[in-house]
Amino acid sequence: MTAGSKRSWQRVDGVLLLDKPSGMTSNSALQSARRLFSAAKAGHTGTLDPLASGLLPLCFGEATKFSADLLEADKTYEAELLFGVTTDTGDVEGTVLLRRQVQFGQAELEASLHHFLGPISQIPPMYSALKRDGKPLYQLARQGIEVEREARAVTLHELLLLEFSGDRCRLRVCCSKGTYIRTLAEDIGNFLACGAHLTALRRLAVGRLRSADAVSLDQLVELPEEDRARLLLAPDVLLQSLPAVHIDEKSTLRFLHGNPVNIPDGGVAMPGKCRVYGANRLLGLGEADASGSVRPRRLVCA
């Protein structure tokens, strides 16, 4: 596109698995990818802090209708911690508040990790996008204002020590939605009576999606337009954790007009959300009930 010319946005449908670099906001990464695809509509499936790198699934077109469903998925991270130093943000980008001696070994560290496995409570950090009276907490924090935050219930499915050296360690964390890894780093440091903060973070997985299948912005820039298009996954990749229902032609027409339809024999056995297919394509997200019918919740435009 020549300088000064007006960009021609177009309909693009699909999911891009982006490997976001450290130092870039999620929105900046989204807008950069959007321009490369000239996508008229785009969104992401949950913010990564600028410090963090790794998997950031981006949604274009019809896939944006299902981005919220991936927010519910478990996440997997690789985190690096520095013990003995506490910062106001809980990570390396913050101001140092306190330095303490590190007086534990690997065995004590591994034992402490078991304390955080399973259901735990976390108090969200002040430096977060959560809002109080319509204002993000990080804006209040930058003004030196701290407000009370309600503890959240989260679950750590895996907390594995990958590497330990003196005052540093590298962890693999598999956790539920809403988990703050910065807060986890601080809590582990406090448990070991020396403090800690996050020095690096990489997201390895979101649900069934993996960073190993992701592409970087630099790689996207180098690719011809037709090769970029081949990287887009179908929108239903966001819904793979849900059961699938396949309906016939007559039911397809009713479903697309917003009406509930009967689930064929052998369909969803339990009530709840499901992905619905007909006419050899994804029709949308449905809600199955105990009576054996499924009602449309979000439809895909052909």
C-alpha atoms as a PDB file:
ATOM      1  CA  MET A   1       0.000   0.000   0.000  1.00  0.00           C
ATOM      2  CA  THR A   2       1.496   3.340  -1.015  1.00  0.00           C
ATOM      3  CA  ALA A   3       1.988   6.210   1.417  1.00  0.00           C
ATOM      4  CA  GLY A   4      -1.146   8.280   1.834  1.00  0.00           C
ATOM      5  CA  SER A   5      -3.436   5.720   0.214  1.00  0.00           C
ATOM      6  CA  LYS A   6      -6.531   4.541   2.030  1.00  0.00           C
ATOM      7  CA  ARG A   7      -6.456   0.971   3.321  1.00  0.00           C
ATOM      8  CA  SER A   8      -9.056  -1.396   1.882  1.00  0.00           C
ATOM      9  CA  TRP A   9     -10.435  -3.496   4.734  1.00  0.00           C
ATOM     10  CA  GLN A  10     -11.967  -6.842   3.811  1.00  0.00           C
ATOM     11  CA  ARG A  11     -13.856  -9.681   5.410  1.00  0.00           C
ATOM     12  CA  VAL A  12     -11.457 -12.200   6.851  1.00  0.00           C
ATOM     13  CA  ASP A  13     -12.728 -15.103   8.945  1.00  0.00           C
ATOM     14  CA  GLY A  14     -10.485 -17.299  11.034  1.00  0.00           C
ATOM     15  CA  VAL A  15      -8.119 -17.656  13.977  1.00  0.00           C
ATOM     16  CA  LEU A  16      -4.437 -16.765  13.927  1.00  0.00           C
ATOM     17  CA  LEU A  17      -2.130 -18.261  16.541  1.00  0.00           C
ATOM     18  CA  LEU A  18       0.275 -15.399  17.139  1.00  0.00           C
ATOM     19  CA  ASP A  19       3.526 -15.652  19.084  1.00  0.00           C
ATOM     20  CA  LYS A  20       3.484 -12.232  20.746  1.00  0.00           C
ATOM     21  CA  PRO A  21       6.903 -10.760  21.479  1.00  0.00           C
ATOM     22  CA  SER A  22       7.831  -9.425  24.901  1.00  0.00           C
ATOM     23  CA  GLY A  23       7.608  -5.653  25.170  1.00  0.00           C
ATOM     24  CA  MET A  24       4.472  -5.266  23.040  1.00  0.00           C
ATOM     25  CA  THR A  25       0.910  -4.818  24.248  1.00  0.00           C
ATOM     26  CA  SER A  26      -1.683  -7.352  23.152  1.00  0.00           C
ATOM     27  CA  ASN A  27      -3.654  -4.647  21.351  1.00  0.00           C
ATOM     28  CA  SER A  28      -0.590  -3.449  19.427  1.00  0.00           C
ATOM     29  CA  ALA A  29       0.094  -7.037  18.357  1.00  0.00           C
ATOM     30  CA  LEU A  30      -3.543  -7.430  17.302  1.00  0.00           C
ATOM     31  CA  GLN A  31      -3.546  -4.233  15.239  1.00  0.00           C
ATOM     32  CA  SER A  32      -0.260  -5.139  13.539  1.00  0.00           C
ATOM     33  CA  ALA A  33      -1.632  -8.538  12.517  1.00  0.00           C
ATOM     34  CA  ARG A  34      -4.950  -7.030  11.498  1.00  0.00           C
ATOM     35  CA  ARG A  35      -3.215  -4.638   9.091  1.00  0.00           C
ATOM     36  CA  LEU A  36      -1.233  -7.479   7.534  1.00  0.00           C
ATOM     37  CA  PHE A  37      -4.486  -9.304   6.777  1.00  0.00           C
ATOM     38  CA  SER A  38      -6.475  -6.114   6.026  1.00  0.00           C
ATOM     39  CA  ALA A  39      -9.129  -7.635   8.282  1.00  0.00           C
ATOM     40  CA  ALA A  40     -12.231  -5.496   8.790  1.00  0.00           C
ATOM     41  CA  LYS A  41     -13.002  -7.021  12.189  1.00  0.00           C
ATOM     42  CA  ALA A  42     -10.553  -8.409  14.736  1.00  0.00           C
ATOM     43  CA  GLY A  43     -10.192  -9.208  18.422  1.00  0.00           C
ATOM     44  CA  HIS A  44      -8.070 -11.277  20.793  1.00  0.00           C
ATOM     45  CA  THR A  45      -8.944 -13.928  23.349  1.00  0.00           C
ATOM     46  CA  GLY A  46      -7.504 -12.416  26.496  1.00  0.00           C
ATOM     47  CA  THR A  47      -4.714  -9.969  27.205  1.00  0.00           C
ATOM     48  CA  LEU A  48      -1.076 -10.862  27.718  1.00  0.00           C
ATOM     49  CA  ASP A  49       0.946  -8.336  29.727  1.00  0.00           C
ATOM     50  CA  PRO A  50       3.547  -6.434  27.667  1.00  0.00           C
ATOM     51  CA  LEU A  51       6.280  -8.275  29.595  1.00  0.00           C
ATOM     52  CA  ALA A  52       4.893 -11.663  28.531  1.00  0.00           C
ATOM     53  CA  SER A  53       5.565 -13.430  25.259  1.00  0.00           C
ATOM     54  CA  GLY A  54       3.922 -16.437  23.685  1.00  0.00           C
ATOM     55  CA  LEU A  55       0.560 -17.606  22.475  1.00  0.00           C
ATOM     56  CA  LEU A  56      -2.026 -14.925  21.728  1.00  0.00           C
ATOM     57  CA  PRO A  57      -4.912 -16.332  19.665  1.00  0.00           C
ATOM     58  CA  LEU A  58      -6.309 -13.605  17.411  1.00  0.00           C
ATOM     59  CA  CYS A  59      -9.815 -13.733  15.950  1.00  0.00           C
ATOM     60  CA  PHE A  60     -10.882 -12.254  12.632  1.00  0.00           C
ATOM     61  CA  GLY A  61     -14.410 -11.785  11.322  1.00  0.00           C
ATOM     62  CA  GLU A  62     -16.888 -14.451  12.412  1.00  0.00           C
ATOM     63  CA  ALA A  63     -14.360 -15.985  14.798  1.00  0.00           C
ATOM     64  CA  THR A  64     -14.682 -12.918  17.057  1.00  0.00           C
ATOM     65  CA  LYS A  65     -18.128 -14.226  18.073  1.00  0.00           C
ATOM     66  CA  PHE A  66     -16.453 -17.080  19.932  1.00  0.00           C
ATOM     67  CA  SER A  67     -13.421 -15.317  21.449  1.00  0.00           C
ATOM     68  CA  ALA A  68     -15.101 -15.168  24.876  1.00  0.00           C
ATOM     69  CA  ASP A  69     -15.413 -18.949  24.953  1.00  0.00           C
ATOM     70  CA  LEU A  70     -11.633 -19.340  24.901  1.00  0.00           C
ATOM     71  CA  LEU A  71     -11.339 -16.979  27.875  1.00  0.00           C
ATOM     72  CA  GLU A  72     -12.792 -19.803  29.976  1.00  0.00           C
ATOM     73  CA  ALA A  73     -10.002 -22.206  28.982  1.00  0.00           C
ATOM     74  CA  ASP A  74      -7.059 -23.231  31.160  1.00  0.00           C
ATOM     75  CA  LYS A  75      -3.715 -21.562  30.401  1.00  0.00           C
ATOM     76  CA  THR A  76      -0.162 -22.915  30.557  1.00  0.00           C
ATOM     77  CA  TYR A  77       2.858 -20.687  31.204  1.00  0.00           C
ATOM     78  CA  GLU A  78       6.585 -20.846  31.722  1.00  0.00           C
ATOM     79  CA  ALA A  79       7.590 -18.307  34.358  1.00  0.00           C
ATOM     80  CA  GLU A  80      10.945 -17.086  35.644  1.00  0.00           C
ATOM     81  CA  LEU A  81      11.192 -15.768  39.208  1.00  0.00           C
ATOM     82  CA  LEU A  82      13.849 -13.821  41.111  1.00  0.00           C
ATOM     83  CA  PHE A  83      13.753 -14.332  44.886  1.00  0.00           C
ATOM     84  CA  GLY A  84      14.826 -11.809  47.510  1.00  0.00           C
ATOM     85  CA  VAL A  85      13.521  -8.752  45.639  1.00  0.00           C
ATOM     86  CA  THR A  86       9.983  -7.340  45.875  1.00  0.00           C
ATOM     87  CA  THR A  87       8.679  -4.772  43.363  1.00  0.00           C
ATOM     88  CA  ASP A  88       5.548  -2.628  43.353  1.00  0.00           C
ATOM     89  CA  THR A  89       4.206  -4.295  40.182  1.00  0.00           C
ATOM     90  CA  GLY A  90       5.170  -7.862  41.036  1.00  0.00           C
ATOM     91  CA  ASP A  91       7.417  -8.047  37.987  1.00  0.00           C
ATOM     92  CA  VAL A  92      10.780  -6.831  36.708  1.00  0.00           C
ATOM     93  CA  GLU A  93       9.276  -3.643  35.256  1.00  0.00           C
ATOM     94  CA  GLY A  94       8.370  -2.269  38.665  1.00  0.00           C
ATOM     95  CA  THR A  95      10.207  -0.251  41.302  1.00  0.00           C
ATOM     96  CA  VAL A  96      12.136  -2.244  43.909  1.00  0.00           C
ATOM     97  CA  LEU A  97      10.453  -2.006  47.313  1.00  0.00           C
ATOM     98  CA  LEU A  98      12.445  -4.432  49.432  1.00  0.00           C
ATOM     99  CA  ARG A  99      15.496  -6.708  49.295  1.00  0.00           C
ATOM    100  CA  ARG A 100      15.905  -9.724  51.566  1.00  0.00           C
ATOM    101  CA  GLN A 101      18.275 -12.650  51.890  1.00  0.00           C
ATOM    102  CA  VAL A 102      17.456 -15.931  50.163  1.00  0.00           C
ATOM    103  CA  GLN A 103      17.980 -18.751  52.640  1.00  0.00           C
ATOM    104  CA  PHE A 104      16.336 -21.841  51.151  1.00  0.00           C
ATOM    105  CA  GLY A 105      17.369 -24.680  48.896  1.00  0.00           C
ATOM    106  CA  GLN A 106      15.729 -26.600  46.085  1.00  0.00           C
ATOM    107  CA  ALA A 107      14.031 -29.101  48.396  1.00  0.00           C
ATOM    108  CA  GLU A 108      12.335 -26.283  50.335  1.00  0.00           C
ATOM    109  CA  LEU A 109      11.270 -24.579  47.122  1.00  0.00           C
ATOM    110  CA  GLU A 110       9.739 -27.767  45.721  1.00  0.00           C
ATOM    111  CA  ALA A 111       7.922 -28.393  49.006  1.00  0.00           C
ATOM    112  CA  SER A 112       6.517 -24.849  48.956  1.00  0.00           C
ATOM    113  CA  LEU A 113       5.073 -25.329  45.472  1.00  0.00           C
ATOM    114  CA  HIS A 114       2.787 -28.098  46.735  1.00  0.00           C
ATOM    115  CA  HIS A 115       1.171 -25.518  49.005  1.00  0.00           C
ATOM    116  CA  PHE A 116      -0.184 -23.690  45.933  1.00  0.00           C
ATOM    117  CA  LEU A 117      -1.478 -26.666  43.953  1.00  0.00           C
ATOM    118  CA  GLY A 118      -5.233 -27.044  43.566  1.00  0.00           C
ATOM    119  CA  PRO A 119      -7.860 -24.437  44.491  1.00  0.00           C
ATOM    120  CA  ILE A 120      -6.324 -21.280  45.987  1.00  0.00           C
ATOM    121  CA  SER A 121      -7.334 -17.654  46.614  1.00  0.00           C
ATOM    122  CA  GLN A 122      -5.541 -14.749  44.974  1.00  0.00           C
ATOM    123  CA  ILE A 123      -5.838 -11.031  45.589  1.00  0.00           C
ATOM    124  CA  PRO A 124      -5.564  -9.365  42.155  1.00  0.00           C
ATOM    125  CA  PRO A 125      -2.627  -6.934  41.851  1.00  0.00           C
ATOM    126  CA  MET A 126      -3.120  -3.175  41.785  1.00  0.00           C
ATOM    127  CA  TYR A 127      -1.245  -3.105  38.507  1.00  0.00           C
ATOM    128  CA  SER A 128      -4.022  -4.853  36.585  1.00  0.00           C
ATOM    129  CA  ALA A 129      -6.767  -3.942  34.121  1.00  0.00           C
ATOM    130  CA  LEU A 130      -9.525  -4.678  36.649  1.00  0.00           C
ATOM    131  CA  LYS A 131     -11.722  -1.646  37.188  1.00  0.00           C
ATOM    132  CA  ARG A 132     -12.925   0.234  40.270  1.00  0.00           C
ATOM    133  CA  ASP A 133     -15.667   2.805  39.630  1.00  0.00           C
ATOM    134  CA  GLY A 134     -14.944   2.587  35.919  1.00  0.00           C
ATOM    135  CA  LYS A 135     -11.207   3.279  36.280  1.00  0.00           C
ATOM    136  CA  PRO A 136      -8.521   0.571  35.713  1.00  0.00           C
ATOM    137  CA  LEU A 137      -6.633  -0.304  38.882  1.00  0.00           C
ATOM    138  CA  TYR A 138      -3.273   0.343  37.235  1.00  0.00           C
ATOM    139  CA  GLN A 139      -4.235   3.995  36.768  1.00  0.00           C
ATOM    140  CA  LEU A 140      -4.951   4.292  40.483  1.00  0.00           C
ATOM    141  CA  ALA A 141      -1.682   2.496  41.285  1.00  0.00           C
ATOM    142  CA  ARG A 142       0.287   4.982  39.189  1.00  0.00           C
ATOM    143  CA  GLN A 143      -1.259   7.761  41.286  1.00  0.00           C
ATOM    144  CA  GLY A 144      -0.069   6.028  44.450  1.00  0.00           C
ATOM    145  CA  ILE A 145      -3.592   4.952  45.365  1.00  0.00           C
ATOM    146  CA  GLU A 146      -4.221   1.455  46.669  1.00  0.00           C
ATOM    147  CA  VAL A 147      -7.752   0.137  47.094  1.00  0.00           C
ATOM    148  CA  GLU A 148      -9.062  -3.047  48.661  1.00  0.00           C
ATOM    149  CA  ARG A 149      -9.490  -5.935  46.221  1.00  0.00           C
ATOM    150  CA  GLU A 150     -11.650  -8.981  46.733  1.00  0.00           C
ATOM    151  CA  ALA A 151      -9.847 -12.319  46.706  1.00  0.00           C
ATOM    152  CA  ARG A 152     -10.550 -14.588  43.731  1.00  0.00           C
ATOM    153  CA  ALA A 153     -10.780 -18.362  43.633  1.00  0.00           C
ATOM    154  CA  VAL A 154      -8.465 -19.890  41.002  1.00  0.00           C
ATOM    155  CA  THR A 155      -7.024 -23.353  40.467  1.00  0.00           C
ATOM    156  CA  LEU A 156      -3.457 -24.423  39.767  1.00  0.00           C
ATOM    157  CA  HIS A 157      -3.503 -27.782  37.999  1.00  0.00           C
ATOM    158  CA  GLU A 158       0.279 -28.037  37.657  1.00  0.00           C
ATOM    159  CA  LEU A 159       3.200 -26.191  39.263  1.00  0.00           C
ATOM    160  CA  LEU A 160       6.456 -27.805  38.194  1.00  0.00           C
ATOM    161  CA  LEU A 161       9.984 -26.659  38.975  1.00  0.00           C
ATOM    162  CA  LEU A 162      11.987 -26.756  35.743  1.00  0.00           C
ATOM    163  CA  GLU A 163      15.182 -25.082  36.909  1.00  0.00           C
ATOM    164  CA  PHE A 164      16.645 -23.643  40.133  1.00  0.00           C
ATOM    165  CA  SER A 165      19.842 -21.711  40.651  1.00  0.00           C
ATOM    166  CA  GLY A 166      20.507 -19.785  43.855  1.00  0.00           C
ATOM    167  CA  ASP A 167      17.966 -16.973  43.851  1.00  0.00           C
ATOM    168  CA  ARG A 168      16.253 -17.771  40.526  1.00  0.00           C
ATOM    169  CA  CYS A 169      13.899 -20.436  39.280  1.00  0.00           C
ATOM    170  CA  ARG A 170      11.867 -21.372  36.226  1.00  0.00           C
ATOM    171  CA  LEU A 171       8.379 -22.856  36.648  1.00  0.00           C
ATOM    172  CA  ARG A 172       5.758 -24.466  34.448  1.00  0.00           C
ATOM    173  CA  VAL A 173       2.265 -23.385  35.511  1.00  0.00           C
ATOM    174  CA  CYS A 174      -1.038 -24.789  34.265  1.00  0.00           C
ATOM    175  CA  CYS A 175      -3.910 -22.816  35.745  1.00  0.00           C
ATOM    176  CA  SER A 176      -7.539 -21.808  35.455  1.00  0.00           C
ATOM    177  CA  LYS A 177      -8.765 -18.548  33.968  1.00  0.00           C
ATOM    178  CA  GLY A 178      -8.182 -15.431  36.025  1.00  0.00           C
ATOM    179  CA  THR A 179      -4.879 -16.578  37.533  1.00  0.00           C
ATOM    180  CA  TYR A 180      -2.265 -13.845  37.932  1.00  0.00           C
ATOM    181  CA  ILE A 181       1.227 -15.309  37.562  1.00  0.00           C
ATOM    182  CA  ARG A 182       2.763 -12.121  39.004  1.00  0.00           C
ATOM    183  CA  THR A 183       0.689 -12.610  42.135  1.00  0.00           C
ATOM    184  CA  LEU A 184       1.680 -16.276  42.261  1.00  0.00           C
ATOM    185  CA  ALA A 185       5.361 -15.273  42.123  1.00  0.00           C
ATOM    186  CA  GLU A 186       4.846 -12.815  44.986  1.00  0.00           C
ATOM    187  CA  ASP A 187       2.922 -15.360  47.054  1.00  0.00           C
ATOM    188  CA  ILE A 188       5.600 -18.031  46.619  1.00  0.00           C
ATOM    189  CA  GLY A 189       8.252 -15.504  47.655  1.00  0.00           C
ATOM    190  CA  ASN A 190       6.254 -14.499  50.716  1.00  0.00           C
ATOM    191  CA  PHE A 191       5.729 -18.148  51.656  1.00  0.00           C
ATOM    192  CA  LEU A 192       9.517 -18.582  51.581  1.00  0.00           C
ATOM    193  CA  ALA A 193       9.967 -15.400  53.681  1.00  0.00           C
ATOM    194  CA  CYS A 194      12.165 -13.605  51.168  1.00  0.00           C
ATOM    195  CA  GLY A 195       9.841 -12.097  48.566  1.00  0.00           C
ATOM    196  CA  ALA A 196      10.004 -12.583  44.807  1.00  0.00           C
ATOM    197  CA  HIS A 197       8.969 -11.066  41.510  1.00  0.00           C
ATOM    198  CA  LEU A 198       8.415 -12.215  37.959  1.00  0.00           C
ATOM    199  CA  THR A 199      11.316 -11.609  35.544  1.00  0.00           C
ATOM    200  CA  ALA A 200       9.939 -13.342  32.440  1.00  0.00           C
ATOM    201  CA  LEU A 201       6.716 -15.025  31.349  1.00  0.00           C
ATOM    202  CA  ARG A 202       5.803 -17.036  28.280  1.00  0.00           C
ATOM    203  CA  ARG A 203       2.348 -18.457  27.522  1.00  0.00           C
ATOM    204  CA  LEU A 204       2.630 -21.936  26.089  1.00  0.00           C
ATOM    205  CA  ALA A 205      -1.007 -22.926  25.694  1.00  0.00           C
ATOM    206  CA  VAL A 206      -4.604 -21.727  25.820  1.00  0.00           C
ATOM    207  CA  GLY A 207      -6.939 -24.685  26.080  1.00  0.00           C
ATOM    208  CA  ARG A 208      -5.925 -27.049  23.273  1.00  0.00           C
ATOM    209  CA  LEU A 209      -4.043 -24.368  21.326  1.00  0.00           C
ATOM    210  CA  ARG A 210      -0.230 -24.416  21.568  1.00  0.00           C
ATOM    211  CA  SER A 211       2.514 -21.824  21.107  1.00  0.00           C
ATOM    212  CA  ALA A 212       4.464 -24.419  19.095  1.00  0.00           C
ATOM    213  CA  ASP A 213       1.927 -23.854  16.300  1.00  0.00           C
ATOM    214  CA  ALA A 214       2.078 -20.051  16.511  1.00  0.00           C
ATOM    215  CA  VAL A 215       3.742 -17.618  14.106  1.00  0.00           C
ATOM    216  CA  SER A 216       5.559 -14.371  14.926  1.00  0.00           C
ATOM    217  CA  LEU A 217       4.820 -10.946  13.487  1.00  0.00           C
ATOM    218  CA  ASP A 218       8.233 -10.924  11.819  1.00  0.00           C
ATOM    219  CA  GLN A 219       7.411 -14.203  10.088  1.00  0.00           C
ATOM    220  CA  LEU A 220       4.033 -12.835   8.964  1.00  0.00           C
ATOM    221  CA  VAL A 221       5.651  -9.777   7.421  1.00  0.00           C
ATOM    222  CA  GLU A 222       7.972 -11.964   5.327  1.00  0.00           C
ATOM    223  CA  LEU A 223       5.185 -14.185   3.986  1.00  0.00           C
ATOM    224  CA  PRO A 224       3.306 -13.556   0.718  1.00  0.00           C
ATOM    225  CA  GLU A 225      -0.378 -12.716   1.213  1.00  0.00           C
ATOM    226  CA  GLU A 226      -1.621 -16.125   0.044  1.00  0.00           C
ATOM    227  CA  ASP A 227       0.694 -17.923   2.484  1.00  0.00           C
ATOM    228  CA  ARG A 228      -0.542 -15.779   5.364  1.00  0.00           C
ATOM    229  CA  ALA A 229      -4.123 -16.764   4.561  1.00  0.00           C
ATOM    230  CA  ARG A 230      -3.188 -20.450   4.884  1.00  0.00           C
ATOM    231  CA  LEU A 231      -2.179 -19.860   8.499  1.00  0.00           C
ATOM    232  CA  LEU A 232      -5.729 -18.993   9.524  1.00  0.00           C
ATOM    233  CA  LEU A 233      -7.591 -21.724  11.379  1.00  0.00           C
ATOM    234  CA  ALA A 234     -11.342 -22.251  11.125  1.00  0.00           C
ATOM    235  CA  PRO A 235     -13.394 -20.387  13.775  1.00  0.00           C
ATOM    236  CA  ASP A 236     -14.503 -23.626  15.407  1.00  0.00           C
ATOM    237  CA  VAL A 237     -10.939 -24.222  16.632  1.00  0.00           C
ATOM    238  CA  LEU A 238     -12.042 -22.008  19.539  1.00  0.00           C
ATOM    239  CA  LEU A 239     -14.855 -24.425  20.395  1.00  0.00           C
ATOM    240  CA  GLN A 240     -13.090 -27.788  20.318  1.00  0.00           C
ATOM    241  CA  SER A 241     -13.670 -28.408  24.015  1.00  0.00           C
ATOM    242  CA  LEU A 242     -17.439 -28.455  23.374  1.00  0.00           C
ATOM    243  CA  PRO A 243     -19.405 -31.452  22.044  1.00  0.00           C
ATOM    244  CA  ALA A 244     -20.486 -31.321  18.398  1.00  0.00           C
ATOM    245  CA  VAL A 245     -24.061 -31.660  17.114  1.00  0.00           C
ATOM    246  CA  HIS A 246     -24.786 -32.318  13.426  1.00  0.00           C
ATOM    247  CA  ILE A 247     -28.273 -31.489  12.175  1.00  0.00           C
ATOM    248  CA  ASP A 248     -30.078 -32.127   8.878  1.00  0.00           C
ATOM    249  CA  GLU A 249     -31.040 -29.621   6.165  1.00  0.00           C
ATOM    250  CA  LYS A 250     -34.516 -28.876   7.506  1.00  0.00           C
ATOM    251  CA  SER A 251     -33.219 -28.330  11.039  1.00  0.00           C
ATOM    252  CA  THR A 252     -30.409 -26.178   9.669  1.00  0.00           C
ATOM    253  CA  LEU A 253     -32.883 -23.664   8.235  1.00  0.00           C
ATOM    254  CA  ARG A 254     -34.820 -23.506  11.513  1.00  0.00           C
ATOM    255  CA  PHE A 255     -31.635 -23.127  13.553  1.00  0.00           C
ATOM    256  CA  LEU A 256     -30.334 -20.291  11.345  1.00  0.00           C
ATOM    257  CA  HIS A 257     -33.644 -18.474  11.851  1.00  0.00           C
ATOM    258  CA  GLY A 258     -33.116 -18.540  15.613  1.00  0.00           C
ATOM    259  CA  ASN A 259     -35.360 -21.519  16.437  1.00  0.00           C
ATOM    260  CA  PRO A 260     -34.566 -24.512  18.650  1.00  0.00           C
ATOM    261  CA  VAL A 261     -34.229 -27.865  16.877  1.00  0.00           C
ATOM    262  CA  ASN A 262     -34.252 -31.479  18.006  1.00  0.00           C
ATOM    263  CA  ILE A 263     -30.898 -33.135  18.561  1.00  0.00           C
ATOM    264  CA  PRO A 264     -30.446 -36.253  16.393  1.00  0.00           C
ATOM    265  CA  ASP A 265     -30.031 -39.591  18.143  1.00  0.00           C
ATOM    266  CA  GLY A 266     -26.476 -39.976  19.336  1.00  0.00           C
ATOM    267  CA  GLY A 267     -26.052 -36.216  19.770  1.00  0.00           C
ATOM    268  CA  VAL A 268     -25.245 -34.345  22.990  1.00  0.00           C
ATOM    269  CA  ALA A 269     -26.007 -36.457  26.037  1.00  0.00           C
ATOM    270  CA  MET A 270     -25.812 -33.656  28.607  1.00  0.00           C
ATOM    271  CA  PRO A 271     -27.334 -30.160  28.701  1.00  0.00           C
ATOM    272  CA  GLY A 272     -24.973 -27.267  28.040  1.00  0.00           C
ATOM    273  CA  LYS A 273     -23.108 -25.435  25.306  1.00  0.00           C
ATOM    274  CA  CYS A 274     -22.284 -27.225  22.062  1.00  0.00           C
ATOM    275  CA  ARG A 275     -21.044 -26.458  18.541  1.00  0.00           C
ATOM    276  CA  VAL A 276     -23.646 -27.038  15.878  1.00  0.00           C
ATOM    277  CA  TYR A 277     -22.949 -28.108  12.280  1.00  0.00           C
ATOM    278  CA  GLY A 278     -25.191 -28.334   9.234  1.00  0.00           C
ATOM    279  CA  ALA A 279     -24.867 -27.932   5.471  1.00  0.00           C
ATOM    280  CA  ASN A 280     -21.226 -29.068   5.846  1.00  0.00           C
ATOM    281  CA  ARG A 281     -20.207 -26.061   7.944  1.00  0.00           C
ATOM    282  CA  LEU A 282     -20.251 -24.609  11.433  1.00  0.00           C
ATOM    283  CA  LEU A 283     -23.607 -22.943  12.064  1.00  0.00           C
ATOM    284  CA  GLY A 284     -22.767 -21.534  15.461  1.00  0.00           C
ATOM    285  CA  LEU A 285     -22.852 -22.062  19.189  1.00  0.00           C
ATOM    286  CA  GLY A 286     -25.880 -23.795  20.659  1.00  0.00           C
ATOM    287  CA  GLU A 287     -27.315 -24.564  24.085  1.00  0.00           C
ATOM    288  CA  ALA A 288     -28.616 -28.105  24.543  1.00  0.00           C
ATOM    289  CA  ASP A 289     -31.296 -28.816  27.122  1.00  0.00           C
ATOM    290  CA  ALA A 290     -32.508 -31.909  28.944  1.00  0.00           C
ATOM    291  CA  SER A 291     -35.490 -32.314  26.578  1.00  0.00           C
ATOM    292  CA  GLY A 292     -33.216 -33.190  23.649  1.00  0.00           C
ATOM    293  CA  SER A 293     -33.265 -29.895  21.762  1.00  0.00           C
ATOM    294  CA  VAL A 294     -30.627 -27.279  21.033  1.00  0.00           C
ATOM    295  CA  ARG A 295     -31.220 -23.527  20.868  1.00  0.00           C
ATOM    296  CA  PRO A 296     -28.917 -21.134  18.931  1.00  0.00           C
ATOM    297  CA  ARG A 297     -26.822 -18.777  21.047  1.00  0.00           C
ATOM    298  CA  ARG A 298     -24.471 -17.305  18.424  1.00  0.00           C
ATOM    299  CA  LEU A 299     -24.741 -17.870  14.681  1.00  0.00           C
ATOM    300  CA  VAL A 300     -22.072 -17.774  11.975  1.00  0.00           C
ATOM    301  CA  CYS A 301     -22.836 -15.762   8.845  1.00  0.00           C
ATOM    302  CA  ALA A 302     -22.207 -17.713   5.661  1.00  0.00           C
END
